[in-house]
Structures are given as structure tokens and as C-alpha cells.
N, C-alpha and C. Protein backbone atom coordinates (compact mmCIF):
# COMPACT_ATOMS: atom_id res chain seq x y z
N MET A 1 -11.49 8.09 10.30
CA MET A 1 -11.51 8.49 8.94
C MET A 1 -11.39 7.19 8.15
N GLN A 2 -12.19 6.99 7.15
CA GLN A 2 -12.08 5.90 6.21
C GLN A 2 -10.79 6.02 5.36
N ASP A 3 -10.34 4.84 4.86
CA ASP A 3 -9.23 4.83 4.03
C ASP A 3 -9.35 5.59 2.75
N ARG A 4 -10.54 5.57 2.05
CA ARG A 4 -10.60 6.30 0.90
C ARG A 4 -10.56 7.71 1.08
N ASP A 5 -11.04 8.27 2.22
CA ASP A 5 -11.09 9.71 2.60
C ASP A 5 -9.58 10.00 2.95
N GLY A 6 -8.88 9.17 3.61
CA GLY A 6 -7.52 9.46 3.91
C GLY A 6 -6.46 9.35 2.76
N ALA A 7 -6.85 8.68 1.73
CA ALA A 7 -6.00 8.52 0.44
C ALA A 7 -5.65 9.88 -0.03
N ARG A 8 -6.50 10.83 -0.01
CA ARG A 8 -6.25 12.16 -0.60
C ARG A 8 -5.05 12.76 0.23
N ARG A 9 -5.12 12.61 1.48
CA ARG A 9 -3.93 13.16 2.35
C ARG A 9 -2.71 12.41 1.97
N VAL A 10 -2.72 11.04 1.87
CA VAL A 10 -1.58 10.42 1.62
C VAL A 10 -0.88 10.80 0.21
N LEU A 11 -1.88 10.85 -0.82
CA LEU A 11 -1.35 11.32 -2.06
C LEU A 11 -0.70 12.74 -2.00
N TYR A 12 -1.35 13.66 -1.27
CA TYR A 12 -0.78 14.99 -1.18
C TYR A 12 0.66 14.97 -0.41
N GLN A 13 0.72 14.22 0.59
CA GLN A 13 2.04 14.12 1.28
C GLN A 13 3.06 13.38 0.47
N MET A 14 2.71 12.61 -0.56
CA MET A 14 3.61 12.04 -1.40
C MET A 14 4.22 12.85 -2.49
N ARG A 15 3.62 14.03 -2.67
CA ARG A 15 4.04 14.88 -3.79
C ARG A 15 5.47 15.20 -3.65
N GLY A 16 6.25 15.01 -4.68
CA GLY A 16 7.74 15.36 -4.69
C GLY A 16 8.58 14.33 -4.11
N ARG A 17 8.06 13.36 -3.41
CA ARG A 17 8.94 12.49 -2.68
C ARG A 17 9.44 11.20 -3.38
N TYR A 18 8.47 10.64 -4.29
CA TYR A 18 8.78 9.32 -4.90
C TYR A 18 8.68 9.63 -6.46
N SER A 19 9.78 10.16 -6.96
CA SER A 19 9.77 10.54 -8.38
C SER A 19 9.67 9.28 -9.37
N ARG A 20 10.30 8.19 -8.86
CA ARG A 20 10.31 7.01 -9.70
C ARG A 20 8.91 6.22 -9.63
N LEU A 21 7.97 6.56 -8.68
CA LEU A 21 6.76 5.81 -8.65
C LEU A 21 5.86 6.18 -9.90
N ALA A 22 5.58 5.16 -10.69
CA ALA A 22 4.81 5.23 -11.88
C ALA A 22 3.44 4.61 -11.77
N ARG A 23 3.11 3.80 -10.90
CA ARG A 23 1.84 3.12 -10.83
C ARG A 23 1.39 2.85 -9.38
N ILE A 24 0.23 3.16 -9.15
CA ILE A 24 -0.44 2.74 -7.73
C ILE A 24 -1.73 1.93 -7.99
N TRP A 25 -1.64 0.74 -7.18
CA TRP A 25 -2.95 -0.06 -7.42
C TRP A 25 -3.70 0.11 -6.12
N ALA A 26 -5.00 0.16 -6.33
CA ALA A 26 -5.87 0.30 -5.11
C ALA A 26 -7.15 -0.70 -5.38
N ASP A 27 -7.76 -1.08 -4.29
CA ASP A 27 -8.71 -2.10 -4.51
C ASP A 27 -10.13 -1.30 -4.73
N ALA A 28 -11.16 -2.14 -4.87
CA ALA A 28 -12.51 -1.52 -5.34
C ALA A 28 -13.12 -0.51 -4.34
N GLY A 29 -12.66 -0.53 -3.04
CA GLY A 29 -13.13 0.39 -2.14
C GLY A 29 -12.79 1.87 -2.38
N TYR A 30 -11.89 2.08 -3.33
CA TYR A 30 -11.39 3.47 -3.60
C TYR A 30 -12.12 3.87 -4.92
N SER A 31 -12.97 3.13 -5.50
CA SER A 31 -13.63 3.53 -6.64
C SER A 31 -14.72 4.52 -6.36
N GLY A 32 -15.06 5.27 -7.37
CA GLY A 32 -16.11 6.20 -7.06
C GLY A 32 -15.74 7.49 -6.49
N THR A 33 -14.43 7.61 -6.19
CA THR A 33 -13.78 8.76 -5.74
C THR A 33 -12.83 9.37 -6.85
N ARG A 34 -12.48 10.72 -6.66
CA ARG A 34 -11.67 11.19 -7.62
C ARG A 34 -10.18 11.13 -7.42
N LEU A 35 -9.83 9.96 -6.94
CA LEU A 35 -8.44 9.73 -6.56
C LEU A 35 -7.45 9.64 -7.81
N THR A 36 -8.04 9.15 -8.89
CA THR A 36 -7.14 9.06 -10.18
C THR A 36 -6.60 10.37 -10.50
N GLY A 37 -7.41 11.48 -10.45
CA GLY A 37 -7.04 12.76 -10.80
C GLY A 37 -6.09 13.26 -9.82
N TYR A 38 -6.28 13.13 -8.54
CA TYR A 38 -5.37 13.51 -7.41
C TYR A 38 -3.99 12.84 -7.55
N ALA A 39 -3.97 11.52 -7.86
CA ALA A 39 -2.72 10.96 -8.03
C ALA A 39 -2.01 11.39 -9.22
N LYS A 40 -2.61 11.65 -10.17
CA LYS A 40 -1.92 12.21 -11.44
C LYS A 40 -1.40 13.63 -11.22
N GLN A 41 -2.26 14.43 -10.46
CA GLN A 41 -1.89 15.84 -10.15
C GLN A 41 -0.72 15.97 -9.20
N TRP A 42 -0.77 15.24 -8.10
CA TRP A 42 0.15 15.33 -7.02
C TRP A 42 1.47 14.39 -7.12
N THR A 43 1.23 13.26 -7.69
CA THR A 43 2.39 12.32 -7.80
C THR A 43 2.87 12.00 -9.12
N ARG A 44 2.15 12.48 -10.22
CA ARG A 44 2.55 12.04 -11.66
C ARG A 44 2.41 10.60 -11.79
N ALA A 45 1.71 9.81 -10.85
CA ALA A 45 1.56 8.35 -11.08
C ALA A 45 0.26 8.02 -11.50
N VAL A 46 0.07 6.90 -12.10
CA VAL A 46 -1.27 6.45 -12.57
C VAL A 46 -1.87 5.53 -11.49
N LEU A 47 -3.08 5.86 -11.08
CA LEU A 47 -3.81 5.03 -10.00
C LEU A 47 -4.70 4.20 -10.70
N GLU A 48 -4.59 2.90 -10.46
CA GLU A 48 -5.41 1.81 -11.12
C GLU A 48 -6.23 1.23 -10.05
N ILE A 49 -7.58 1.17 -10.24
CA ILE A 49 -8.42 0.46 -9.32
C ILE A 49 -8.58 -0.94 -9.84
N VAL A 50 -8.23 -1.93 -8.92
CA VAL A 50 -8.37 -3.37 -9.30
C VAL A 50 -9.72 -3.84 -8.94
N ASN A 51 -10.51 -4.19 -9.88
CA ASN A 51 -11.93 -4.71 -9.47
C ASN A 51 -12.02 -5.97 -9.62
N LYS A 52 -13.07 -6.72 -9.17
CA LYS A 52 -13.39 -8.10 -9.37
C LYS A 52 -13.86 -8.32 -10.84
N LYS A 53 -13.71 -9.52 -11.35
CA LYS A 53 -14.15 -9.83 -12.69
C LYS A 53 -15.70 -9.84 -12.67
N VAL A 54 -16.27 -9.46 -13.73
CA VAL A 54 -17.71 -9.37 -13.93
C VAL A 54 -18.31 -10.82 -13.61
N GLY A 55 -19.30 -10.84 -12.74
CA GLY A 55 -19.87 -12.26 -12.47
C GLY A 55 -19.09 -13.03 -11.50
N GLN A 56 -18.07 -12.59 -10.91
CA GLN A 56 -17.14 -13.38 -9.93
C GLN A 56 -17.97 -13.56 -8.72
N THR A 57 -18.11 -14.82 -8.24
CA THR A 57 -18.85 -15.15 -7.00
C THR A 57 -17.82 -16.00 -6.11
N THR A 58 -16.86 -16.61 -6.47
CA THR A 58 -15.91 -17.17 -5.67
C THR A 58 -14.71 -16.46 -5.48
N PHE A 59 -13.87 -17.03 -4.53
CA PHE A 59 -12.58 -16.27 -4.32
C PHE A 59 -11.68 -16.63 -5.44
N GLU A 60 -11.01 -15.52 -5.85
CA GLU A 60 -9.95 -15.51 -6.89
C GLU A 60 -8.89 -14.55 -6.61
N VAL A 61 -7.66 -14.99 -6.77
CA VAL A 61 -6.49 -14.07 -6.48
C VAL A 61 -6.58 -12.82 -7.46
N MET A 62 -6.49 -11.61 -6.91
CA MET A 62 -6.55 -10.52 -7.82
C MET A 62 -5.20 -10.06 -8.24
N PRO A 63 -5.05 -9.53 -9.48
CA PRO A 63 -3.71 -9.17 -9.92
C PRO A 63 -2.99 -8.14 -9.05
N LYS A 64 -1.78 -8.40 -8.73
CA LYS A 64 -0.93 -7.55 -7.90
C LYS A 64 -1.33 -7.41 -6.46
N ARG A 65 -2.46 -7.75 -5.99
CA ARG A 65 -2.85 -7.64 -4.74
C ARG A 65 -2.20 -8.65 -3.80
N TRP A 66 -1.89 -9.82 -4.26
CA TRP A 66 -1.22 -10.85 -3.62
C TRP A 66 0.19 -10.38 -3.11
N ILE A 67 0.74 -9.56 -3.94
CA ILE A 67 2.13 -8.98 -3.56
C ILE A 67 1.95 -8.21 -2.20
N VAL A 68 1.14 -7.40 -2.06
CA VAL A 68 0.80 -6.59 -0.93
C VAL A 68 0.41 -7.46 0.25
N GLU A 69 -0.55 -8.41 0.06
CA GLU A 69 -0.90 -9.28 1.14
C GLU A 69 0.27 -10.08 1.62
N ARG A 70 1.16 -10.61 0.72
CA ARG A 70 2.36 -11.36 1.01
C ARG A 70 3.18 -10.57 1.99
N THR A 71 3.42 -9.31 1.57
CA THR A 71 4.28 -8.51 2.29
C THR A 71 3.79 -8.19 3.68
N PHE A 72 2.47 -7.92 3.75
CA PHE A 72 1.85 -7.71 5.17
C PHE A 72 2.00 -8.97 6.00
N ALA A 73 1.98 -10.17 5.25
CA ALA A 73 2.11 -11.41 6.10
C ALA A 73 3.57 -11.49 6.63
N TRP A 74 4.59 -11.09 5.89
CA TRP A 74 6.01 -11.06 6.29
C TRP A 74 6.18 -10.14 7.42
N LEU A 75 5.58 -8.98 7.32
CA LEU A 75 5.66 -7.93 8.37
C LEU A 75 4.91 -8.43 9.63
N GLY A 76 3.96 -9.12 9.49
CA GLY A 76 3.21 -9.63 10.75
C GLY A 76 3.87 -10.75 11.52
N ARG A 77 4.89 -11.29 10.92
CA ARG A 77 5.84 -12.23 11.70
C ARG A 77 6.65 -11.56 12.73
N TYR A 78 6.79 -10.26 12.69
CA TYR A 78 7.65 -9.68 13.67
C TYR A 78 6.73 -9.04 14.75
N ARG A 79 6.98 -9.37 15.89
CA ARG A 79 6.30 -9.00 17.09
C ARG A 79 5.77 -7.61 17.20
N ARG A 80 6.77 -6.76 16.94
CA ARG A 80 6.48 -5.34 17.12
C ARG A 80 5.64 -4.83 16.06
N LEU A 81 5.48 -5.57 14.79
CA LEU A 81 4.65 -5.11 13.74
C LEU A 81 3.30 -5.94 13.73
N SER A 82 3.20 -6.96 14.62
CA SER A 82 2.04 -7.66 14.55
C SER A 82 0.76 -6.91 14.88
N LYS A 83 0.84 -5.73 15.75
CA LYS A 83 -0.20 -4.77 15.95
C LYS A 83 0.35 -3.42 15.74
N ASP A 84 -0.49 -2.42 15.82
CA ASP A 84 -0.03 -1.11 15.62
C ASP A 84 0.32 -0.55 16.96
N TYR A 85 1.45 -0.72 17.45
CA TYR A 85 1.97 -0.27 18.87
C TYR A 85 2.45 1.16 18.75
N GLU A 86 3.04 1.54 17.67
CA GLU A 86 3.58 2.86 17.63
C GLU A 86 2.74 3.90 17.58
N GLN A 87 3.11 4.99 18.32
CA GLN A 87 2.30 6.23 18.16
C GLN A 87 2.67 7.23 17.26
N ASN A 88 3.98 7.05 16.86
CA ASN A 88 4.64 7.96 15.89
C ASN A 88 4.75 7.20 14.56
N THR A 89 4.33 7.89 13.39
CA THR A 89 4.48 7.14 12.13
C THR A 89 5.91 7.03 11.82
N ALA A 90 6.71 7.92 12.00
CA ALA A 90 8.26 7.76 11.79
C ALA A 90 8.74 6.48 12.50
N SER A 91 8.33 6.33 13.70
CA SER A 91 8.86 5.02 14.33
C SER A 91 8.27 3.80 13.75
N SER A 92 7.02 3.83 13.39
CA SER A 92 6.40 2.72 12.67
C SER A 92 7.22 2.33 11.37
N ALA A 93 7.50 3.44 10.63
CA ALA A 93 8.21 3.26 9.38
C ALA A 93 9.54 2.80 9.50
N ALA A 94 10.23 3.19 10.54
CA ALA A 94 11.52 2.63 10.91
C ALA A 94 11.59 1.15 11.27
N TRP A 95 10.51 0.71 11.95
CA TRP A 95 10.35 -0.69 12.30
C TRP A 95 10.08 -1.66 10.95
N ILE A 96 9.43 -1.01 10.12
CA ILE A 96 9.08 -1.63 8.77
C ILE A 96 10.42 -1.79 8.00
N TYR A 97 11.10 -0.69 8.06
CA TYR A 97 12.41 -0.68 7.19
C TYR A 97 13.32 -1.80 7.89
N LEU A 98 13.39 -1.83 9.13
CA LEU A 98 14.22 -2.81 9.84
C LEU A 98 13.78 -4.25 9.58
N ALA A 99 12.52 -4.43 9.59
CA ALA A 99 11.93 -5.77 9.33
C ALA A 99 12.17 -6.29 7.93
N MET A 100 12.10 -5.36 6.98
CA MET A 100 12.18 -5.79 5.50
C MET A 100 13.79 -5.93 5.23
N THR A 101 14.56 -5.13 5.95
CA THR A 101 16.04 -5.31 5.74
C THR A 101 16.39 -6.67 6.20
N HIS A 102 15.83 -7.04 7.41
CA HIS A 102 16.03 -8.46 7.96
C HIS A 102 15.56 -9.54 6.95
N VAL A 103 14.50 -9.30 6.25
CA VAL A 103 13.95 -10.26 5.27
C VAL A 103 15.09 -10.31 4.15
N MET A 104 15.45 -9.27 3.68
CA MET A 104 16.38 -9.26 2.54
C MET A 104 17.70 -9.86 2.98
N VAL A 105 18.30 -9.54 4.09
CA VAL A 105 19.53 -10.07 4.47
C VAL A 105 19.44 -11.60 4.66
N ARG A 106 18.30 -12.15 5.25
CA ARG A 106 18.16 -13.48 5.38
C ARG A 106 18.09 -14.27 4.08
N ARG A 107 17.53 -13.59 3.05
CA ARG A 107 17.47 -14.24 1.73
C ARG A 107 18.82 -14.19 1.05
N LEU A 108 19.70 -13.21 1.40
CA LEU A 108 20.97 -13.19 0.78
C LEU A 108 22.07 -14.03 1.40
N ALA A 109 21.71 -14.40 2.77
CA ALA A 109 22.69 -15.33 3.35
C ALA A 109 22.55 -16.86 2.87
């Protein structure tokens, strides 16, 4: 299943769980779908599609995307999270929480 097709399922599963979530950013691969309506309906959050600038031909850092990429890089430093070893999504989420807790504790020390 492609990400843009699975996004509906993810948005549906998010309903009622994240009440403070106000904005969701997605890249251009999600444009052309009706995800903005689904996000508003099921999560009450605004889904923004981050597109390239008109006429852009070279690499340029896209707004807010670097935050996600940086976080994935931090998670990739942990051996267990370097590849998708987990068969259960709850187990995968637990390892992510553990890794991010380690990152935060290291910064507080």
C-alpha cells in the first residue's frame, strides 16, 4: 500500500486521540487526494501540503520538513531503529519513545 493511500487509515485511527494536534504537514506526494477533508473531519487538524517553490530546480530546504528529517536521523542512530525489525507497531512505538527519552535525558544532563 502506498503512503498516500494509507494516510486515510492513519487519520481515521487518530480520531479522538490527539486533541491538541492542530496542524499536520505532508509533502507533495499527498497532494491530489482528499486528505485535507479527512484530516479536518476525523482529527480536527489542518493538513498542509508543503510543495516546492514554483520554478525550483535545485535542492532547497523545505519549511518544517527538516524537523522530521532531523528526528528520523536521531532515531536512526539507535541500532534497533536503524531498520524496521519490529513486527508489532506497539513494540516499534515503545522503542521510539525509549530512544527519544534517551535523547532528551542526554540533553538535560
